[in-house]
Protein backbone atom coordinates (compact mmCIF):
# COMPACT_ATOMS: atom_id res chain seq x y z
CA SER A 1 29.04 6.74 10.71
CA ASN A 2 27.14 4.75 13.37
CA TYR A 3 24.52 7.49 13.46
CA TYR A 4 23.81 7.23 9.72
CA ASP A 5 23.93 3.45 9.86
CA THR A 6 21.27 3.56 12.59
CA LEU A 7 19.09 5.88 10.50
CA SER A 8 19.45 3.57 7.53
CA GLU A 9 18.53 0.52 9.60
CA ASN A 10 15.51 2.30 11.08
CA GLU A 11 14.31 3.31 7.63
CA LYS A 12 14.84 -0.22 6.35
CA SER A 13 12.92 -1.63 9.31
CA LYS A 14 10.07 0.82 8.75
CA ASN A 15 9.86 -0.13 5.06
CA GLU A 16 9.83 -3.83 5.92
CA GLU A 17 7.01 -3.27 8.41
CA GLU A 18 4.95 -1.46 5.77
CA VAL A 19 5.61 -4.22 3.24
CA ASP A 20 4.50 -6.81 5.83
CA GLU A 21 1.37 -4.74 6.49
CA ILE A 22 0.51 -4.67 2.78
CA ASP A 23 1.23 -8.40 2.50
CA GLN A 24 -1.14 -9.11 5.39
CA MET A 25 -3.76 -6.77 3.96
CA PHE A 26 -3.58 -8.48 0.57
CA SER A 27 -3.66 -11.96 2.09
CA THR A 28 -6.72 -11.22 4.20
CA GLU A 29 -8.47 -8.86 1.80
CA ASN A 30 -11.91 -10.36 2.10
CA ASN A 31 -13.52 -7.91 4.49
CA GLU A 32 -14.41 -5.51 1.67
CA GLY A 33 -16.14 -7.89 -0.68
CA ASP A 34 -13.59 -10.35 -2.04
CA SER A 35 -14.76 -13.93 -1.93
CA ASP A 36 -12.54 -16.79 -0.79
CA GLU A 37 -12.52 -17.99 -4.41
CA ASP A 38 -11.05 -14.66 -5.52
CA LEU A 39 -8.27 -14.90 -2.96
CA ILE A 40 -7.45 -18.51 -3.81
CA GLU A 41 -7.24 -17.70 -7.50
CA ALA A 42 -5.01 -14.69 -6.83
CA GLN A 43 -2.73 -16.71 -4.57
CA LYS A 44 -2.40 -19.39 -7.26
CA GLN A 45 -0.52 -16.80 -9.27
CA ASN A 46 2.46 -17.60 -6.99
CA LEU A 47 3.59 -14.00 -6.61
CA PRO A 48 5.89 -13.94 -3.56
CA ASN A 49 7.06 -10.38 -4.23
CA LEU A 50 3.60 -8.91 -4.68
CA ALA A 51 3.61 -6.89 -1.43
CA SER A 52 7.03 -5.42 -2.27
CA LYS A 53 5.86 -4.46 -5.76
CA ILE A 54 2.76 -2.75 -4.34
CA TYR A 55 4.83 -0.91 -1.75
CA GLN A 56 7.33 0.33 -4.33
CA ASN A 57 4.54 1.82 -6.43
CA ILE A 58 2.63 3.27 -3.48
CA SER A 59 5.75 4.91 -2.09
CA LEU A 60 5.93 7.03 -5.25
CA ILE A 61 2.64 8.78 -4.42
CA GLN A 62 3.50 9.62 -0.82
CA LYS A 63 3.81 13.34 -1.60
CA GLN A 64 0.22 13.39 -2.88
CA LYS A 65 -1.08 12.56 0.61
CA GLN A 66 -2.96 9.52 -0.66
CA ARG A 67 -0.78 6.96 1.07
CA ASN A 68 -3.09 5.86 3.86
CA ILE A 69 -4.60 2.60 5.07
CA SER A 70 -7.92 3.19 3.29
CA PHE A 71 -6.25 3.87 -0.06
CA ILE A 72 -3.86 0.91 0.28
CA SER A 73 -6.79 -1.34 1.17
CA ARG A 74 -8.66 -0.22 -1.96
CA ILE A 75 -5.57 -0.92 -4.06
CA CYS A 76 -5.21 -4.43 -2.63
CA LYS A 77 -8.87 -5.11 -3.28
CA ALA A 78 -8.59 -3.84 -6.86
CA ILE A 79 -5.49 -5.94 -7.53
CA VAL A 80 -7.22 -9.10 -6.29
CA LYS A 81 -10.19 -8.45 -8.56
CA LEU A 82 -8.08 -7.67 -11.62
CA LEU A 83 -5.76 -10.63 -11.00
CA VAL A 84 -8.75 -12.94 -11.07
CA PHE A 85 -10.26 -11.30 -14.15
CA PHE A 86 -7.04 -11.41 -16.19
CA ARG A 87 -5.69 -14.69 -14.82
CA LYS A 88 -5.98 -16.46 -18.20
CA ASN A 89 -4.27 -13.65 -20.12
CA ARG A 90 -0.55 -14.28 -19.79
CA ARG A 91 0.36 -11.14 -21.73
CA ILE A 92 -0.87 -8.96 -18.86
CA THR A 93 1.69 -8.76 -16.07
CA ILE A 94 1.33 -8.09 -12.35
CA ASP A 95 3.12 -4.77 -12.92
CA ASP A 96 0.43 -3.83 -15.45
CA ILE A 97 -2.30 -4.65 -12.94
CA ILE A 98 -0.66 -2.72 -10.09
CA ASN A 99 -0.11 0.28 -12.37
CA VAL A 100 -3.72 0.22 -13.58
CA SER A 101 -5.11 -0.11 -10.05
CA ILE A 102 -3.11 2.80 -8.64
CA ASN A 103 -3.72 5.18 -11.56
CA LEU A 104 -7.46 4.50 -11.74
CA LEU A 105 -7.95 4.80 -7.98
CA GLN A 106 -5.93 8.02 -7.96
CA ASN A 107 -8.51 9.31 -10.44
CA ASN A 108 -5.80 10.33 -12.89
CA GLN A 109 -7.87 11.91 -15.69
CA ASN A 110 -4.92 11.87 -18.10
CA TYR A 111 -4.23 8.17 -17.61
CA GLN A 112 -4.77 5.82 -20.55
CA LEU A 113 -5.18 2.09 -20.04
CA PRO A 114 -2.50 -0.03 -21.70
CA LYS A 115 -3.68 -1.16 -25.14
CA ILE A 116 -3.61 -4.87 -24.22
CA ILE A 117 -5.81 -4.27 -21.16
CA GLN A 118 -8.26 -1.99 -22.97
CA GLU A 119 -8.69 -4.46 -25.82
CA SER A 120 -9.23 -7.34 -23.40
CA LEU A 121 -11.87 -5.41 -21.44
CA LEU A 122 -13.79 -4.30 -24.54
CA LEU A 123 -13.70 -7.80 -26.01
CA SER A 124 -15.09 -9.24 -22.79
CA LEU A 125 -17.82 -6.61 -22.75
CA GLU A 126 -18.93 -7.54 -26.27
CA GLU A 127 -18.73 -11.30 -25.69
CA ASN A 128 -21.47 -11.20 -23.04
CA TYR A 129 -23.91 -9.22 -25.15
CA ASP A 130 -25.97 -10.10 -28.21
CA ASP A 131 -27.26 -7.08 -30.14
CA ASN A 132 -29.82 -9.31 -31.87
CA ASN A 133 -31.32 -10.55 -28.61
CA GLU A 134 -34.98 -9.46 -28.67
CA ASN A 135 -34.98 -8.32 -25.05
CA ASN A 136 -31.80 -6.30 -25.61
CA LYS A 137 -33.34 -4.63 -28.66
CA LYS A 138 -36.39 -3.71 -26.59
CA ASN A 139 -34.38 -2.16 -23.75
CA ASP A 140 -31.43 -0.80 -25.75
CA GLU A 141 -30.46 2.83 -26.10
CA TYR A 142 -29.52 4.53 -29.36
CA TYR A 143 -25.99 4.86 -28.07
CA PHE A 144 -22.84 3.72 -29.86
CA TYR A 145 -19.22 3.86 -28.82
CA GLN A 146 -17.36 1.30 -30.95
CA GLU A 147 -16.40 3.81 -33.66
CA SER A 148 -15.02 6.37 -31.22
CA PRO A 149 -11.54 5.79 -29.70
CA GLU A 150 -12.36 8.22 -26.88
CA LEU A 151 -15.56 6.41 -25.94
CA CYS A 152 -13.89 3.00 -26.24
CA SER A 153 -11.29 4.18 -23.72
CA PHE A 154 -14.07 5.54 -21.48
CA PHE A 155 -16.01 2.24 -21.57
CA ALA A 156 -12.89 0.20 -20.86
CA GLN A 157 -12.14 2.32 -17.77
CA LEU A 158 -15.75 2.06 -16.62
CA PHE A 159 -15.52 -1.73 -16.95
CA ALA A 160 -12.25 -1.76 -14.96
CA TYR A 161 -13.93 0.16 -12.14
CA TYR A 162 -16.82 -2.31 -12.26
CA ILE A 163 -14.39 -5.23 -11.85
CA MET A 164 -12.80 -3.43 -8.89
CA ARG A 165 -16.28 -2.71 -7.49
CA GLN A 166 -15.19 0.92 -7.17
CA PRO A 167 -18.30 3.21 -7.30
CA VAL A 168 -18.06 5.93 -9.95
CA CYS A 169 -19.58 9.28 -10.82
CA ILE A 170 -19.73 10.28 -14.51
CA GLN A 171 -19.78 14.04 -14.91
CA GLY A 172 -19.95 16.48 -17.80
CA PRO A 173 -22.23 18.97 -19.62
CA THR A 174 -25.93 18.37 -20.23
CA GLY A 175 -27.05 16.01 -22.95
CA ILE A 176 -23.73 14.62 -24.19
CA GLY A 177 -24.52 11.00 -23.32
CA LYS A 178 -23.59 10.48 -19.65
CA THR A 179 -26.78 8.68 -18.66
CA ALA A 180 -27.08 6.85 -21.98
CA SER A 181 -23.51 5.57 -21.57
CA ALA A 182 -24.26 4.29 -18.05
CA LYS A 183 -27.39 2.48 -19.27
CA LYS A 184 -25.58 1.03 -22.28
CA PHE A 185 -22.73 -0.19 -20.08
CA ALA A 186 -25.18 -1.80 -17.67
CA MET A 187 -26.94 -3.56 -20.53
CA LYS A 188 -23.62 -4.79 -21.98
CA LYS A 189 -22.25 -5.93 -18.64
CA ARG A 190 -25.30 -7.84 -17.53
CA GLY A 191 -25.40 -9.87 -20.75
CA ASN A 192 -28.47 -11.36 -22.39
CA LEU A 193 -31.19 -11.30 -19.77
CA SER A 194 -34.39 -13.22 -20.44
CA LYS A 195 -36.47 -10.57 -18.73
CA GLY A 196 -36.03 -7.14 -17.25
CA SER A 197 -32.59 -5.55 -17.21
CA GLY A 198 -29.43 -5.62 -15.16
CA TYR A 199 -29.92 -2.12 -13.83
CA LEU A 200 -32.40 0.24 -12.24
CA MET A 201 -32.22 4.02 -12.52
CA HIS A 202 -33.51 6.71 -10.20
CA ASN A 203 -33.75 10.38 -11.20
CA PHE A 204 -32.74 12.74 -8.41
CA TYR A 205 -34.22 16.19 -7.80
CA SER A 206 -34.04 18.86 -5.11
CA ASN A 207 -37.11 17.35 -3.44
CA THR A 208 -35.91 13.72 -3.56
CA GLU A 209 -36.28 11.94 -0.21
CA ILE A 210 -34.39 8.94 1.12
CA SER A 211 -37.50 6.76 1.05
CA HIS A 212 -37.89 7.36 -2.69
CA PHE A 213 -34.96 5.10 -3.59
CA TYR A 214 -34.46 2.98 -0.44
CA GLY A 215 -38.14 2.24 0.14
CA THR A 216 -40.74 2.78 2.79
CA THR A 217 -43.37 0.98 4.85
CA THR A 218 -46.95 1.16 3.65
CA LEU A 219 -50.34 -0.41 4.35
CA ILE A 220 -51.18 -3.25 1.91
CA ASP A 221 -54.31 -5.36 2.38
CA GLY A 222 -54.51 -4.30 6.00
CA GLU A 223 -50.89 -5.21 6.72
CA ILE A 224 -47.88 -2.94 7.15
CA LYS A 225 -45.27 -3.99 4.59
CA PHE A 226 -41.94 -2.64 3.40
CA CYS A 227 -41.88 -1.64 -0.29
CA GLU A 228 -38.33 -1.71 -1.59
CA GLY A 229 -36.94 1.22 -3.56
CA ASP A 230 -34.68 0.86 -6.60
CA ALA A 231 -31.41 1.22 -4.65
CA THR A 232 -32.48 -1.49 -2.19
CA LYS A 233 -33.51 -3.84 -5.00
CA CYS A 234 -30.21 -3.37 -6.82
CA ALA A 235 -28.16 -3.94 -3.66
CA LYS A 236 -30.02 -7.14 -2.80
CA GLU A 237 -30.17 -8.54 -6.33
CA GLY A 238 -26.67 -7.57 -7.46
CA LYS A 239 -27.79 -5.11 -10.14
CA ILE A 240 -26.27 -1.83 -11.27
CA PHE A 241 -27.90 1.24 -9.69
CA ILE A 242 -27.75 4.44 -11.78
CA ALA A 243 -28.24 7.64 -9.79
CA ASP A 244 -29.11 10.17 -12.49
CA GLU A 245 -28.64 13.90 -11.78
CA PHE A 246 -27.16 12.86 -8.45
CA ASN A 247 -26.00 16.30 -7.28
CA LEU A 248 -29.44 17.83 -7.70
CA ALA A 249 -30.31 16.04 -4.45
CA GLY A 250 -29.83 17.60 -1.04
CA GLU A 251 -26.81 16.93 1.15
CA SER A 252 -28.57 14.57 3.55
CA VAL A 253 -29.92 12.49 0.64
CA MET A 254 -26.47 12.10 -0.91
CA LYS A 255 -24.96 11.28 2.49
CA SER A 256 -27.44 8.43 2.92
CA PHE A 257 -25.41 6.43 0.38
CA SER A 258 -22.40 6.32 2.70
CA LEU A 259 -22.87 2.71 3.86
CA LEU A 260 -24.09 1.45 0.51
CA LEU A 261 -20.95 2.72 -1.24
CA ASP A 262 -18.61 1.15 1.29
CA PRO A 263 -20.33 -2.06 2.37
CA THR A 264 -19.03 -5.23 3.97
CA ILE A 265 -20.30 -7.78 1.51
CA SER A 266 -22.45 -10.54 3.02
CA ASN A 267 -22.98 -8.43 6.16
CA LYS A 268 -26.24 -6.61 6.69
CA ILE A 269 -26.36 -2.84 6.53
CA TYR A 270 -28.98 -0.53 7.96
CA ILE A 271 -31.21 1.36 5.52
CA PRO A 272 -31.46 5.00 6.64
CA GLY A 273 -34.86 6.30 7.61
CA VAL A 274 -36.85 3.08 7.34
CA GLY A 275 -35.40 0.85 10.06
CA GLN A 276 -34.64 -2.07 7.74
CA THR A 277 -31.43 -4.04 7.16
CA ILE A 278 -30.33 -5.74 3.93
CA SER A 279 -27.45 -7.90 2.69
CA ILE A 280 -25.42 -6.51 -0.21
CA ASP A 281 -24.99 -8.84 -3.18
CA PRO A 282 -21.38 -8.96 -4.52
CA GLY A 283 -22.63 -8.01 -7.99
CA PHE A 284 -23.98 -4.63 -6.86
CA PHE A 285 -22.44 -1.59 -8.54
CA PHE A 286 -23.16 2.14 -8.24
CA ILE A 287 -22.96 4.71 -11.07
CA ALA A 288 -23.88 8.35 -10.51
CA CYS A 289 -24.35 10.78 -13.41
CA GLN A 290 -24.29 14.53 -12.91
CA ASN A 291 -23.36 17.94 -14.27
CA LYS A 292 -20.41 19.69 -12.71
CA ILE A 293 -20.81 22.36 -10.06
CA GLY A 294 -21.68 25.69 -11.64
CA THR A 295 -24.77 24.43 -13.43
CA LEU A 296 -27.99 25.79 -11.93
CA GLY A 297 -29.26 23.83 -8.93
CA ARG A 298 -26.19 21.62 -8.47
CA ASN A 299 -24.92 20.89 -4.97
CA PRO A 300 -21.42 19.88 -3.86
CA VAL A 301 -21.11 16.14 -3.22
CA PRO A 302 -20.53 15.70 0.55
CA GLU A 303 -16.97 14.78 1.52
CA THR A 304 -18.08 11.46 3.04
CA ILE A 305 -19.47 10.44 -0.36
CA GLU A 306 -16.82 12.16 -2.46
CA LYS A 307 -14.02 10.07 -0.94
CA ARG A 308 -15.91 6.87 -1.76
CA LEU A 309 -16.40 7.74 -5.43
CA VAL A 310 -14.10 8.05 -8.41
CA PHE A 311 -15.13 10.94 -10.67
CA ILE A 312 -14.87 10.34 -14.42
CA ASP A 313 -15.08 13.21 -16.89
CA TYR A 314 -17.18 12.20 -19.88
CA PRO A 315 -15.15 12.65 -23.10
CA ASP A 316 -15.76 16.06 -24.67
CA LYS A 317 -14.53 14.90 -28.08
CA PHE A 318 -15.91 11.57 -29.17
CA GLY A 319 -16.52 11.55 -32.97
CA ILE A 320 -20.05 12.88 -32.92
CA ASP A 321 -20.46 12.52 -36.70
CA LYS A 322 -19.79 8.76 -36.47
CA ILE A 323 -22.25 8.36 -33.60
CA CYS A 324 -24.94 10.31 -35.49
CA GLU A 325 -24.36 8.01 -38.45
CA GLN A 326 -24.84 4.96 -36.21
CA ILE A 327 -28.08 6.41 -34.80
CA ALA A 328 -29.31 6.99 -38.36
CA LEU A 329 -28.45 3.40 -39.30
CA GLU A 330 -30.73 2.18 -36.51
CA ILE A 331 -33.64 4.54 -37.21
CA PHE A 332 -33.73 4.75 -41.01
CA PRO A 333 -34.20 1.52 -43.00
CA LYS A 334 -31.81 0.80 -45.85
CA GLY A 335 -34.19 2.08 -48.52
CA GLN A 336 -33.95 4.29 -51.55
CA ASN A 337 -32.83 7.41 -49.65
CA PHE A 338 -30.51 5.60 -47.24
CA GLU A 339 -27.22 7.06 -48.49
CA GLN A 340 -28.70 10.55 -48.57
CA GLU A 341 -29.95 10.20 -45.00
CA ARG A 342 -26.57 8.89 -43.83
CA GLU A 343 -24.78 11.91 -45.28
CA PHE A 344 -27.41 14.14 -43.69
CA SER A 345 -26.71 12.53 -40.30
CA LYS A 346 -23.01 13.34 -40.59
CA LYS A 347 -23.80 16.97 -41.37
CA ILE A 348 -26.12 17.13 -38.36
CA GLY A 349 -23.27 15.82 -36.20
CA LYS A 350 -20.93 18.52 -37.49
CA PHE A 351 -23.62 21.14 -36.92
CA MET A 352 -24.04 19.96 -33.31
CA GLU A 353 -20.30 20.30 -32.71
CA GLU A 354 -20.19 23.85 -34.09
CA PHE A 355 -23.44 24.91 -32.42
CA ASN A 356 -22.25 23.76 -29.00
CA LYS A 357 -19.14 25.94 -29.31
CA LEU A 358 -21.35 29.05 -29.20
CA ARG A 359 -21.55 30.81 -25.84
CA ILE A 360 -25.22 30.20 -25.23
CA GLU A 361 -26.89 28.33 -22.40
CA TYR A 362 -28.69 25.66 -24.46
CA LYS A 363 -26.58 22.89 -26.01
CA TRP A 364 -27.60 20.24 -28.50
CA SER A 365 -27.38 16.69 -27.25
CA LEU A 366 -27.47 13.14 -28.60
CA ARG A 367 -30.96 13.04 -27.15
CA ASP A 368 -31.97 15.91 -29.47
CA ILE A 369 -30.33 14.20 -32.45
CA THR A 370 -32.28 10.99 -31.81
CA LYS A 371 -35.56 12.92 -31.47
CA LEU A 372 -34.86 14.78 -34.73
CA PHE A 373 -34.12 11.59 -36.68
CA ARG A 374 -37.23 9.90 -35.29
CA ARG A 375 -39.37 12.89 -36.23
CA ILE A 376 -38.00 12.87 -39.77
CA TYR A 377 -38.59 9.14 -40.10
CA ASN A 378 -42.14 9.37 -38.73
CA GLN A 379 -43.00 12.29 -41.01
CA GLU A 380 -41.65 10.47 -44.07
CA ASN A 381 -43.74 7.45 -43.13
CA GLN A 382 -46.79 9.54 -42.10
CA LYS A 383 -46.84 8.28 -38.55
CA TYR A 384 -48.09 11.59 -37.18
């Protein structure tokens, strides 16, 4: 009896130590990018049992070998961020936030955000963006998600990762809207900008070099100066950096993002290959877009980068007929043949779905649909 009592006491003591460790980690979670304001707001929630709640949920995933200091730290960081974001919504509980944080960081592809959280995220995304803003019209993509439940869920999850400052990689077949979705999200998230946009995008290839996106020194007016690349600009200015076709790049190029994807905010990091250091703005966010391994020319993402990213599969069913209709609404004016052209757009969407089921290498994409509609419109209006 004493033997089993001792085992029980030891186990209890071990659990208490781990709870204390989580409590300390949560209380001091500012070394990975959380501002003092974030922590103060989270602590105002008056949640004395927060560490115990986190521990109880984390203990359930012990068998999946994800229960380590790095993962727990990421969870604590995510919880702080989400607590602050949802602090005015009393219908969202701390249990909801812990559950969301753990499932999203585990990269559970079958996980669906609770309805209340998804609706809140999507509403917030729309509130910051004016479709009639002239600059937004100029920079906007012909990409629509509001009529598709699958894409609404995808955008809500992408927004949740943004709040957590958890870098993501969107992956899926060619031409289904991965890059367009990243650009649309960046436009929505950054609101109504008076000039420019809230993101920069770099296209990666097999011959991409580190200096192409970080920058390099060059001779300008007789002086040696450092010209910043898109990744450096985004990191310094707090913009979203979109790495398109990320896994077409070589291993060393992908590895160069190691520090940028796991920075200590407000501390300077060294830029590989150019001998420069920069400070990371808290608003910086990284989105990679790529095809899955198996497509010609694709390389495996190095383990050092893979463990820093969350991989999101782009929805394979997303109401293509509705999206084609929305594209047509933007391209074709509401004239005499408007209803006919709208019905035609739906049929094109259905055709794309059926065509892409065929076992051939080329697949139709939303990009092709947009080009087709533009060509039809230009021909009807004799713009060629």
